[in-house]
Structures are given as structure tokens and as C-alpha cells.
Amino acid sequence: MMTVTISIKITRQKLPPPPPIVRSQHCSPVGLLLLILFILPVLLPADTMYRYVNEQGVVVYSQTPPVGQQAEPINAVPGPSEADKQAAQQRLQQSLKNNNKSQNSASSADKKMQKYADIFAKNCTIARENLEKIEQLGDRALIMPDGKKNYPSAAEREALITQTQQQINDNCK
């Protein structure tokens, strides 16, 4: 009887804990733009407003008085103070800084997820190679990781195949 040895490499890398999912609680750039567009009319100096009733009986508010018709001038609400404008500017700058920080942490999480994907891909390749070797084993010797020869029975070979297929299912997605 001729002895042929086949070496099977069975290794699993320990995975680091998964990175936390980072969700920004700050406005996106589009949200900030919309916020500025809604606040901008409040920040602009207001001229005198006029109120009048047109021919259809509809009350109209306008910045220009109607021609040939009586209009009631309305006092506009004063705009925000200079201190309020500066405080709003500082809040906007802080929000932009926080948004940049959250984008940086999302990039870091992407790198960690790529590292996990690489580990799974490597484990998948090893498990597929092991399955191929075990299926081609027949009644030849199997060299274990400690270097000893093992002649697995048919039941042991089936158990190894099942175990290796489970490793493939766990790592090849």
C-alpha cells in the first residue's frame, strides 16, 4: 500500500470587534443650505410694508403701495441684532466642523469594514481549498496542523467535510 500525504491548513483569524455604526446627528450640507435660505429673509433689512384690499376683496401685503389706492403702512419687525448674527454664524461654523468630524469617522468605519471583508475573503479561500483537499483525500493520510499523520475513516472524512462547508458558509458571503 502506497502512502500519499496531503497537508491541510486549518486556520481562522480572530476578528476584531465590529466598528460602531456612526450616524451623524448634524445637518448635511443640503440641510444647512436650506436652513440658510429660510433664515436669510429674516436677516435682511425690512423696508416698509403696505396692507390693502384689492378689487376682489383680497387682503394684499406688498413692499410697494398700490397706484391710485389707499394702503395702510405696516411697521416691519426689526431684524436680529449684530450679536444675534454673530452667534448664528458661530453656530453654523461649529455645525460645519461637527459635520466634517462625522464624515471622517464614517471614513474610518469604512476602512474597518474593508478589513473585515478582507479577513472573511481570506478565510473563505482557505476553507474552499481545505474542502477540495478533503474531498480528494480518499484513503490517503491526512497531515494535521501538529504534523501527525491521520487516516480518517469515512465518517471522520464526512465530519471534516461538514465542518469545512460550515466554514465556507460562515466566511463566503
N, C-alpha and C. Protein backbone atom coordinates (compact mmCIF):
# COMPACT_ATOMS: atom_id res chain seq x y z
N MET A 1 0.84 -1.19 0.00
CA MET A 1 0.00 0.00 0.00
C MET A 1 0.89 1.25 0.00
N MET A 2 0.62 2.16 -0.89
CA MET A 2 1.42 3.38 -1.01
C MET A 2 0.78 4.49 -0.18
N THR A 3 1.61 5.23 0.56
CA THR A 3 1.10 6.31 1.40
C THR A 3 1.39 7.65 0.73
N VAL A 4 0.34 8.41 0.53
CA VAL A 4 0.46 9.76 -0.02
C VAL A 4 -0.06 10.70 1.05
N THR A 5 0.68 11.69 1.38
CA THR A 5 0.25 12.63 2.43
C THR A 5 -0.25 13.92 1.81
N ILE A 6 -1.29 14.41 2.41
CA ILE A 6 -1.86 15.69 1.99
C ILE A 6 -1.89 16.58 3.23
N SER A 7 -1.36 17.76 3.11
CA SER A 7 -1.34 18.71 4.22
C SER A 7 -2.49 19.69 4.06
N ILE A 8 -3.27 19.83 5.12
CA ILE A 8 -4.41 20.76 5.10
C ILE A 8 -4.12 21.85 6.12
N LYS A 9 -4.24 23.05 5.67
CA LYS A 9 -4.01 24.21 6.53
C LYS A 9 -5.36 24.66 7.09
N ILE A 10 -5.54 24.53 8.39
CA ILE A 10 -6.79 24.95 9.03
C ILE A 10 -6.46 26.10 9.97
N THR A 11 -6.78 27.29 9.52
CA THR A 11 -6.53 28.47 10.37
C THR A 11 -7.74 29.37 10.32
N ARG A 12 -7.95 30.04 11.39
CA ARG A 12 -9.01 31.05 11.45
C ARG A 12 -8.43 32.26 12.14
N GLN A 13 -8.56 33.37 11.55
CA GLN A 13 -8.10 34.59 12.19
C GLN A 13 -9.19 35.10 13.11
N LYS A 14 -8.75 35.53 14.27
CA LYS A 14 -9.72 36.10 15.20
C LYS A 14 -10.11 37.49 14.71
N LEU A 15 -11.40 37.72 14.62
CA LEU A 15 -11.89 39.00 14.14
C LEU A 15 -11.92 40.02 15.27
N PRO A 16 -11.49 41.24 14.98
CA PRO A 16 -11.64 42.30 16.00
C PRO A 16 -13.11 42.64 16.14
N PRO A 17 -13.49 43.28 17.23
CA PRO A 17 -14.91 43.63 17.39
C PRO A 17 -15.34 44.56 16.27
N PRO A 18 -16.60 44.46 15.84
CA PRO A 18 -17.05 45.30 14.73
C PRO A 18 -17.05 46.77 15.12
N PRO A 19 -16.81 47.65 14.15
CA PRO A 19 -16.79 49.08 14.47
C PRO A 19 -18.20 49.56 14.75
N PRO A 20 -18.31 50.58 15.58
CA PRO A 20 -19.66 51.12 15.84
C PRO A 20 -20.18 51.80 14.59
N ILE A 21 -21.48 51.75 14.44
CA ILE A 21 -22.11 52.43 13.30
C ILE A 21 -22.23 53.90 13.65
N VAL A 22 -21.64 54.72 12.81
CA VAL A 22 -21.62 56.15 13.07
C VAL A 22 -22.77 56.80 12.31
N ARG A 23 -23.59 57.46 13.03
CA ARG A 23 -24.70 58.19 12.40
C ARG A 23 -24.56 59.65 12.81
N SER A 24 -24.53 60.48 11.83
CA SER A 24 -24.39 61.91 12.10
C SER A 24 -25.69 62.48 12.64
N GLN A 25 -25.58 63.26 13.70
CA GLN A 25 -26.75 63.92 14.24
C GLN A 25 -26.76 65.39 13.83
N HIS A 26 -25.93 65.73 12.85
CA HIS A 26 -25.83 67.11 12.39
C HIS A 26 -26.43 67.20 11.00
N CYS A 27 -26.67 68.42 10.58
CA CYS A 27 -27.27 68.66 9.28
C CYS A 27 -26.28 68.31 8.17
N SER A 28 -26.81 67.86 7.08
CA SER A 28 -26.00 67.64 5.89
C SER A 28 -25.78 69.01 5.25
N PRO A 29 -24.85 69.11 4.30
CA PRO A 29 -24.65 70.39 3.62
C PRO A 29 -25.93 70.91 2.96
N VAL A 30 -26.74 70.00 2.43
CA VAL A 30 -28.00 70.43 1.80
C VAL A 30 -28.93 71.01 2.87
N GLY A 31 -28.98 70.34 4.04
CA GLY A 31 -29.81 70.84 5.13
C GLY A 31 -29.37 72.21 5.60
N LEU A 32 -28.05 72.41 5.66
CA LEU A 32 -27.54 73.72 6.07
C LEU A 32 -27.91 74.79 5.05
N LEU A 33 -27.83 74.44 3.77
CA LEU A 33 -28.19 75.40 2.73
C LEU A 33 -29.66 75.79 2.85
N LEU A 34 -30.52 74.81 3.06
CA LEU A 34 -31.95 75.11 3.22
C LEU A 34 -32.20 75.98 4.45
N LEU A 35 -31.48 75.67 5.54
CA LEU A 35 -31.61 76.47 6.76
C LEU A 35 -31.23 77.92 6.50
N ILE A 36 -30.13 78.13 5.79
CA ILE A 36 -29.68 79.49 5.47
C ILE A 36 -30.71 80.20 4.59
N LEU A 37 -31.27 79.47 3.61
CA LEU A 37 -32.25 80.09 2.72
C LEU A 37 -33.51 80.50 3.47
N PHE A 38 -33.91 79.74 4.51
CA PHE A 38 -35.09 80.10 5.28
C PHE A 38 -34.81 81.24 6.26
N ILE A 39 -33.57 81.33 6.73
CA ILE A 39 -33.23 82.36 7.71
C ILE A 39 -32.86 83.67 7.02
N LEU A 40 -32.36 83.60 5.79
CA LEU A 40 -31.88 84.77 5.09
C LEU A 40 -32.91 85.90 5.02
N PRO A 41 -34.17 85.65 4.70
CA PRO A 41 -35.12 86.78 4.66
C PRO A 41 -35.27 87.48 6.01
N VAL A 42 -35.10 86.75 7.09
CA VAL A 42 -35.21 87.35 8.42
C VAL A 42 -34.01 88.27 8.68
N LEU A 43 -32.85 87.88 8.13
CA LEU A 43 -31.63 88.65 8.37
C LEU A 43 -31.55 89.91 7.50
N LEU A 44 -32.27 89.93 6.39
CA LEU A 44 -32.23 91.10 5.51
C LEU A 44 -33.02 92.26 6.13
N PRO A 45 -32.53 93.48 5.93
CA PRO A 45 -33.27 94.60 6.50
C PRO A 45 -34.64 94.73 5.82
N ALA A 46 -35.65 94.96 6.61
CA ALA A 46 -37.02 95.03 6.08
C ALA A 46 -37.37 96.49 5.78
N ASP A 47 -37.97 96.72 4.62
CA ASP A 47 -38.48 98.04 4.27
C ASP A 47 -39.91 98.13 4.80
N THR A 48 -40.53 99.25 4.53
CA THR A 48 -41.92 99.43 4.96
C THR A 48 -42.81 98.52 4.13
N MET A 49 -43.75 97.89 4.79
CA MET A 49 -44.71 97.01 4.14
C MET A 49 -46.06 97.75 4.08
N TYR A 50 -46.86 97.42 3.09
CA TYR A 50 -48.17 98.04 2.92
C TYR A 50 -49.24 96.95 2.88
N ARG A 51 -50.39 97.30 3.48
CA ARG A 51 -51.54 96.39 3.50
C ARG A 51 -52.71 97.11 2.84
N TYR A 52 -53.35 96.39 1.89
CA TYR A 52 -54.53 96.98 1.25
C TYR A 52 -55.45 95.86 0.78
N VAL A 53 -56.65 96.22 0.41
CA VAL A 53 -57.64 95.28 -0.10
C VAL A 53 -57.83 95.59 -1.57
N ASN A 54 -57.65 94.56 -2.44
CA ASN A 54 -57.78 94.79 -3.89
C ASN A 54 -59.25 94.76 -4.32
N GLU A 55 -59.48 94.88 -5.64
CA GLU A 55 -60.85 94.96 -6.17
C GLU A 55 -61.67 93.71 -5.88
N GLN A 56 -61.03 92.54 -5.75
CA GLN A 56 -61.74 91.29 -5.48
C GLN A 56 -61.99 91.09 -3.99
N GLY A 57 -61.56 92.02 -3.15
CA GLY A 57 -61.76 91.91 -1.71
C GLY A 57 -60.70 91.08 -1.00
N VAL A 58 -59.58 90.82 -1.67
CA VAL A 58 -58.49 90.04 -1.08
C VAL A 58 -57.50 90.99 -0.42
N VAL A 59 -57.10 90.64 0.81
CA VAL A 59 -56.11 91.45 1.52
C VAL A 59 -54.74 91.14 0.92
N VAL A 60 -54.00 92.20 0.55
CA VAL A 60 -52.70 92.05 -0.09
C VAL A 60 -51.66 92.77 0.76
N TYR A 61 -50.50 92.10 0.94
CA TYR A 61 -49.36 92.71 1.62
C TYR A 61 -48.28 92.90 0.56
N SER A 62 -47.68 94.09 0.52
CA SER A 62 -46.71 94.39 -0.52
C SER A 62 -45.67 95.37 0.00
N GLN A 63 -44.50 95.40 -0.67
CA GLN A 63 -43.47 96.36 -0.31
C GLN A 63 -43.68 97.69 -1.04
N THR A 64 -44.54 97.69 -2.02
CA THR A 64 -44.83 98.93 -2.75
C THR A 64 -46.32 99.23 -2.62
N PRO A 65 -46.66 100.47 -2.40
CA PRO A 65 -48.09 100.80 -2.29
C PRO A 65 -48.75 100.72 -3.67
N PRO A 66 -50.04 100.39 -3.69
CA PRO A 66 -50.73 100.31 -4.98
C PRO A 66 -50.94 101.71 -5.56
N VAL A 67 -51.00 101.79 -6.87
CA VAL A 67 -51.21 103.08 -7.55
C VAL A 67 -52.70 103.41 -7.51
N GLY A 68 -53.00 104.62 -7.04
CA GLY A 68 -54.38 105.11 -7.03
C GLY A 68 -55.27 104.43 -6.00
N GLN A 69 -54.68 103.86 -4.97
CA GLN A 69 -55.49 103.19 -3.96
C GLN A 69 -54.88 103.46 -2.58
N GLN A 70 -55.74 103.56 -1.57
CA GLN A 70 -55.28 103.81 -0.21
C GLN A 70 -54.66 102.52 0.35
N ALA A 71 -53.44 102.62 0.96
CA ALA A 71 -52.76 101.47 1.58
C ALA A 71 -52.33 101.85 2.97
N GLU A 72 -52.40 100.92 3.87
CA GLU A 72 -52.02 101.16 5.26
C GLU A 72 -50.57 100.70 5.46
N PRO A 73 -49.65 101.61 5.87
CA PRO A 73 -48.26 101.19 6.11
C PRO A 73 -48.19 100.32 7.37
N ILE A 74 -47.36 99.30 7.31
CA ILE A 74 -47.19 98.38 8.44
C ILE A 74 -45.74 98.49 8.89
N ASN A 75 -45.54 98.63 10.19
CA ASN A 75 -44.19 98.68 10.71
C ASN A 75 -43.58 97.28 10.70
N ALA A 76 -42.44 97.18 10.07
CA ALA A 76 -41.76 95.89 9.99
C ALA A 76 -41.06 95.59 11.31
N VAL A 77 -40.95 94.33 11.59
CA VAL A 77 -40.24 93.89 12.80
C VAL A 77 -38.75 94.11 12.56
N PRO A 78 -38.06 94.66 13.53
CA PRO A 78 -36.63 94.88 13.33
C PRO A 78 -35.89 93.55 13.17
N GLY A 79 -34.83 93.58 12.40
CA GLY A 79 -34.01 92.38 12.19
C GLY A 79 -33.21 92.02 13.43
N PRO A 80 -32.48 90.93 13.36
CA PRO A 80 -31.70 90.49 14.51
C PRO A 80 -30.55 91.46 14.79
N SER A 81 -30.15 91.48 16.05
CA SER A 81 -29.04 92.36 16.43
C SER A 81 -27.73 91.79 15.89
N GLU A 82 -26.70 92.61 15.95
CA GLU A 82 -25.38 92.17 15.47
C GLU A 82 -24.88 90.98 16.29
N ALA A 83 -25.17 90.99 17.60
CA ALA A 83 -24.75 89.87 18.46
C ALA A 83 -25.47 88.58 18.05
N ASP A 84 -26.76 88.69 17.70
CA ASP A 84 -27.51 87.50 17.24
C ASP A 84 -26.93 86.97 15.93
N LYS A 85 -26.54 87.87 15.03
CA LYS A 85 -25.95 87.45 13.76
C LYS A 85 -24.63 86.71 13.99
N GLN A 86 -23.81 87.24 14.88
CA GLN A 86 -22.51 86.61 15.17
C GLN A 86 -22.71 85.25 15.83
N ALA A 87 -23.66 85.15 16.75
CA ALA A 87 -23.94 83.87 17.42
C ALA A 87 -24.42 82.84 16.40
N ALA A 88 -25.27 83.26 15.46
CA ALA A 88 -25.75 82.35 14.43
C ALA A 88 -24.59 81.90 13.53
N GLN A 89 -23.69 82.82 13.21
CA GLN A 89 -22.52 82.48 12.39
C GLN A 89 -21.63 81.47 13.11
N GLN A 90 -21.43 81.65 14.42
CA GLN A 90 -20.61 80.72 15.18
C GLN A 90 -21.27 79.33 15.25
N ARG A 91 -22.60 79.30 15.44
CA ARG A 91 -23.30 78.01 15.46
C ARG A 91 -23.17 77.29 14.12
N LEU A 92 -23.26 78.06 13.03
CA LEU A 92 -23.12 77.48 11.70
C LEU A 92 -21.71 76.91 11.50
N GLN A 93 -20.69 77.64 11.91
CA GLN A 93 -19.32 77.15 11.78
C GLN A 93 -19.10 75.90 12.62
N GLN A 94 -19.64 75.88 13.84
CA GLN A 94 -19.50 74.70 14.71
C GLN A 94 -20.21 73.50 14.09
N SER A 95 -21.37 73.74 13.51
CA SER A 95 -22.12 72.66 12.86
C SER A 95 -21.33 72.09 11.68
N LEU A 96 -20.68 72.97 10.90
CA LEU A 96 -19.85 72.51 9.78
C LEU A 96 -18.66 71.69 10.28
N LYS A 97 -18.03 72.11 11.37
CA LYS A 97 -16.91 71.35 11.94
C LYS A 97 -17.38 69.97 12.39
N ASN A 98 -18.52 69.92 13.07
CA ASN A 98 -19.06 68.64 13.55
C ASN A 98 -19.41 67.73 12.38
N ASN A 99 -19.92 68.31 11.29
CA ASN A 99 -20.25 67.53 10.11
C ASN A 99 -19.00 66.92 9.51
N ASN A 100 -17.91 67.70 9.45
CA ASN A 100 -16.64 67.18 8.93
C ASN A 100 -16.11 66.05 9.81
N LYS A 101 -16.23 66.19 11.14
CA LYS A 101 -15.77 65.14 12.05
C LYS A 101 -16.55 63.86 11.83
N SER A 102 -17.87 63.97 11.65
CA SER A 102 -18.68 62.76 11.46
C SER A 102 -18.35 62.10 10.13
N GLN A 103 -18.00 62.89 9.10
CA GLN A 103 -17.61 62.31 7.82
C GLN A 103 -16.28 61.57 7.96
N ASN A 104 -15.35 62.13 8.76
CA ASN A 104 -14.07 61.46 8.98
C ASN A 104 -14.26 60.14 9.72
N SER A 105 -15.15 60.10 10.73
CA SER A 105 -15.36 58.85 11.45
C SER A 105 -16.07 57.83 10.58
N ALA A 106 -16.91 58.28 9.67
CA ALA A 106 -17.56 57.34 8.74
C ALA A 106 -16.51 56.72 7.82
N SER A 107 -15.52 57.52 7.40
CA SER A 107 -14.44 57.00 6.56
C SER A 107 -13.63 55.96 7.32
N SER A 108 -13.38 56.20 8.59
CA SER A 108 -12.65 55.25 9.43
C SER A 108 -13.44 53.95 9.58
N ALA A 109 -14.74 54.05 9.73
CA ALA A 109 -15.59 52.85 9.84
C ALA A 109 -15.56 52.07 8.53
N ASP A 110 -15.53 52.78 7.39
CA ASP A 110 -15.45 52.10 6.10
C ASP A 110 -14.16 51.30 5.99
N LYS A 111 -13.05 51.87 6.47
CA LYS A 111 -11.77 51.16 6.43
C LYS A 111 -11.82 49.90 7.29
N LYS A 112 -12.44 50.00 8.47
CA LYS A 112 -12.55 48.82 9.34
C LYS A 112 -13.42 47.75 8.69
N MET A 113 -14.51 48.17 8.05
CA MET A 113 -15.37 47.20 7.39
C MET A 113 -14.63 46.52 6.24
N GLN A 114 -13.78 47.26 5.53
CA GLN A 114 -12.98 46.66 4.46
C GLN A 114 -12.01 45.63 5.04
N LYS A 115 -11.44 45.93 6.20
CA LYS A 115 -10.53 44.98 6.86
C LYS A 115 -11.27 43.69 7.19
N TYR A 116 -12.51 43.80 7.69
CA TYR A 116 -13.32 42.61 7.98
C TYR A 116 -13.58 41.83 6.70
N ALA A 117 -13.92 42.53 5.64
CA ALA A 117 -14.21 41.86 4.38
C ALA A 117 -12.99 41.11 3.87
N ASP A 118 -11.79 41.70 4.03
CA ASP A 118 -10.56 41.03 3.61
C ASP A 118 -10.31 39.76 4.42
N ILE A 119 -10.55 39.82 5.73
CA ILE A 119 -10.36 38.64 6.59
C ILE A 119 -11.33 37.53 6.20
N PHE A 120 -12.59 37.89 5.96
CA PHE A 120 -13.58 36.89 5.55
C PHE A 120 -13.18 36.27 4.20
N ALA A 121 -12.71 37.09 3.27
CA ALA A 121 -12.31 36.58 1.96
C ALA A 121 -11.15 35.60 2.08
N LYS A 122 -10.19 35.92 2.94
CA LYS A 122 -9.04 35.03 3.14
C LYS A 122 -9.49 33.71 3.77
N ASN A 123 -10.34 33.80 4.81
CA ASN A 123 -10.85 32.58 5.44
C ASN A 123 -11.68 31.76 4.46
N CYS A 124 -12.41 32.41 3.58
CA CYS A 124 -13.21 31.73 2.57
C CYS A 124 -12.31 30.94 1.62
N THR A 125 -11.26 31.57 1.16
CA THR A 125 -10.32 30.91 0.25
C THR A 125 -9.71 29.68 0.90
N ILE A 126 -9.26 29.82 2.15
CA ILE A 126 -8.64 28.69 2.87
C ILE A 126 -9.65 27.56 3.04
N ALA A 127 -10.89 27.89 3.42
CA ALA A 127 -11.90 26.86 3.63
C ALA A 127 -12.21 26.13 2.32
N ARG A 128 -12.29 26.83 1.21
CA ARG A 128 -12.56 26.19 -0.09
C ARG A 128 -11.41 25.26 -0.48
N GLU A 129 -10.17 25.70 -0.25
CA GLU A 129 -9.01 24.85 -0.54
C GLU A 129 -9.04 23.59 0.33
N ASN A 130 -9.36 23.76 1.61
CA ASN A 130 -9.42 22.61 2.51
C ASN A 130 -10.49 21.61 2.07
N LEU A 131 -11.65 22.11 1.66
CA LEU A 131 -12.73 21.22 1.22
C LEU A 131 -12.30 20.42 0.00
N GLU A 132 -11.64 21.08 -0.93
CA GLU A 132 -11.17 20.39 -2.13
C GLU A 132 -10.18 19.28 -1.77
N LYS A 133 -9.26 19.57 -0.86
CA LYS A 133 -8.27 18.56 -0.44
C LYS A 133 -8.94 17.40 0.29
N ILE A 134 -9.89 17.68 1.14
CA ILE A 134 -10.55 16.62 1.91
C ILE A 134 -11.37 15.73 0.96
N GLU A 135 -12.05 16.34 0.00
CA GLU A 135 -12.86 15.55 -0.93
C GLU A 135 -12.00 14.66 -1.82
N GLN A 136 -10.77 15.08 -2.12
CA GLN A 136 -9.86 14.28 -2.95
C GLN A 136 -9.02 13.31 -2.12
N LEU A 137 -9.19 13.30 -0.83
CA LEU A 137 -8.34 12.53 0.09
C LEU A 137 -8.42 11.03 -0.15
N GLY A 138 -9.61 10.51 -0.28
CA GLY A 138 -9.77 9.05 -0.41
C GLY A 138 -9.28 8.36 0.85
N ASP A 139 -8.47 7.30 0.72
CA ASP A 139 -7.96 6.60 1.91
C ASP A 139 -6.49 6.93 2.15
N ARG A 140 -6.08 8.13 1.73
CA ARG A 140 -4.71 8.57 1.98
C ARG A 140 -4.61 9.27 3.33
N ALA A 141 -3.38 9.49 3.77
CA ALA A 141 -3.14 10.10 5.08
C ALA A 141 -3.41 11.60 5.03
N LEU A 142 -3.88 12.07 6.14
CA LEU A 142 -4.16 13.49 6.32
C LEU A 142 -3.15 14.00 7.35
N ILE A 143 -2.38 15.03 7.00
CA ILE A 143 -1.40 15.58 7.94
C ILE A 143 -2.08 16.70 8.70
N MET A 144 -2.12 16.56 10.01
CA MET A 144 -2.80 17.51 10.87
C MET A 144 -1.88 18.72 11.11
N PRO A 145 -2.43 19.82 11.64
CA PRO A 145 -1.61 21.02 11.89
C PRO A 145 -0.42 20.75 12.82
N ASP A 146 -0.54 19.76 13.70
CA ASP A 146 0.59 19.45 14.61
C ASP A 146 1.63 18.56 13.94
N GLY A 147 1.42 18.18 12.65
CA GLY A 147 2.40 17.40 11.90
C GLY A 147 2.14 15.90 11.93
N LYS A 148 1.22 15.40 12.70
CA LYS A 148 0.94 13.97 12.79
C LYS A 148 0.09 13.52 11.61
N LYS A 149 0.31 12.27 11.18
CA LYS A 149 -0.49 11.69 10.10
C LYS A 149 -1.75 11.09 10.69
N ASN A 150 -2.84 11.26 9.98
CA ASN A 150 -4.12 10.75 10.42
C ASN A 150 -4.79 10.10 9.22
N TYR A 151 -5.26 8.89 9.40
CA TYR A 151 -6.01 8.18 8.36
C TYR A 151 -7.47 8.20 8.77
N PRO A 152 -8.22 9.24 8.33
CA PRO A 152 -9.61 9.35 8.78
C PRO A 152 -10.50 8.29 8.14
N SER A 153 -11.44 7.83 8.94
CA SER A 153 -12.44 6.90 8.42
C SER A 153 -13.41 7.68 7.55
N ALA A 154 -14.31 6.97 6.89
CA ALA A 154 -15.30 7.63 6.04
C ALA A 154 -16.17 8.58 6.85
N ALA A 155 -16.54 8.18 8.07
CA ALA A 155 -17.36 9.03 8.93
C ALA A 155 -16.59 10.28 9.35
N GLU A 156 -15.30 10.11 9.68
CA GLU A 156 -14.48 11.27 10.07
C GLU A 156 -14.30 12.23 8.89
N ARG A 157 -14.12 11.63 7.68
CA ARG A 157 -13.99 12.46 6.49
C ARG A 157 -15.28 13.25 6.24
N GLU A 158 -16.43 12.62 6.41
CA GLU A 158 -17.72 13.31 6.26
C GLU A 158 -17.86 14.43 7.29
N ALA A 159 -17.41 14.16 8.53
CA ALA A 159 -17.47 15.20 9.57
C ALA A 159 -16.58 16.38 9.20
N LEU A 160 -15.37 16.11 8.65
CA LEU A 160 -14.47 17.18 8.22
C LEU A 160 -15.10 17.97 7.07
N ILE A 161 -15.74 17.27 6.14
CA ILE A 161 -16.38 17.95 5.01
C ILE A 161 -17.50 18.85 5.52
N THR A 162 -18.31 18.33 6.46
CA THR A 162 -19.40 19.14 7.03
C THR A 162 -18.85 20.37 7.75
N GLN A 163 -17.79 20.17 8.53
CA GLN A 163 -17.18 21.28 9.26
C GLN A 163 -16.62 22.32 8.29
N THR A 164 -15.97 21.87 7.25
CA THR A 164 -15.38 22.79 6.28
C THR A 164 -16.47 23.53 5.49
N GLN A 165 -17.56 22.83 5.16
CA GLN A 165 -18.66 23.51 4.47
C GLN A 165 -19.29 24.58 5.36
N GLN A 166 -19.34 24.30 6.68
CA GLN A 166 -19.85 25.32 7.60
C GLN A 166 -18.93 26.55 7.62
N GLN A 167 -17.61 26.31 7.56
CA GLN A 167 -16.67 27.43 7.50
C GLN A 167 -16.87 28.23 6.21
N ILE A 168 -17.16 27.54 5.12
CA ILE A 168 -17.41 28.23 3.85
C ILE A 168 -18.68 29.07 3.98
N ASN A 169 -19.73 28.48 4.57
CA ASN A 169 -20.98 29.23 4.75
C ASN A 169 -20.77 30.45 5.64
N ASP A 170 -19.92 30.34 6.66
CA ASP A 170 -19.67 31.45 7.58
C ASP A 170 -18.83 32.57 6.94
N ASN A 171 -17.92 32.21 6.06
CA ASN A 171 -16.97 33.20 5.56
C ASN A 171 -17.17 33.64 4.13
N CYS A 172 -17.87 32.86 3.32
CA CYS A 172 -18.05 33.20 1.90
C CYS A 172 -19.44 33.78 1.68
N LYS A 173 -19.53 35.07 1.76
CA LYS A 173 -20.84 35.72 1.58
C LYS A 173 -20.76 36.76 0.51
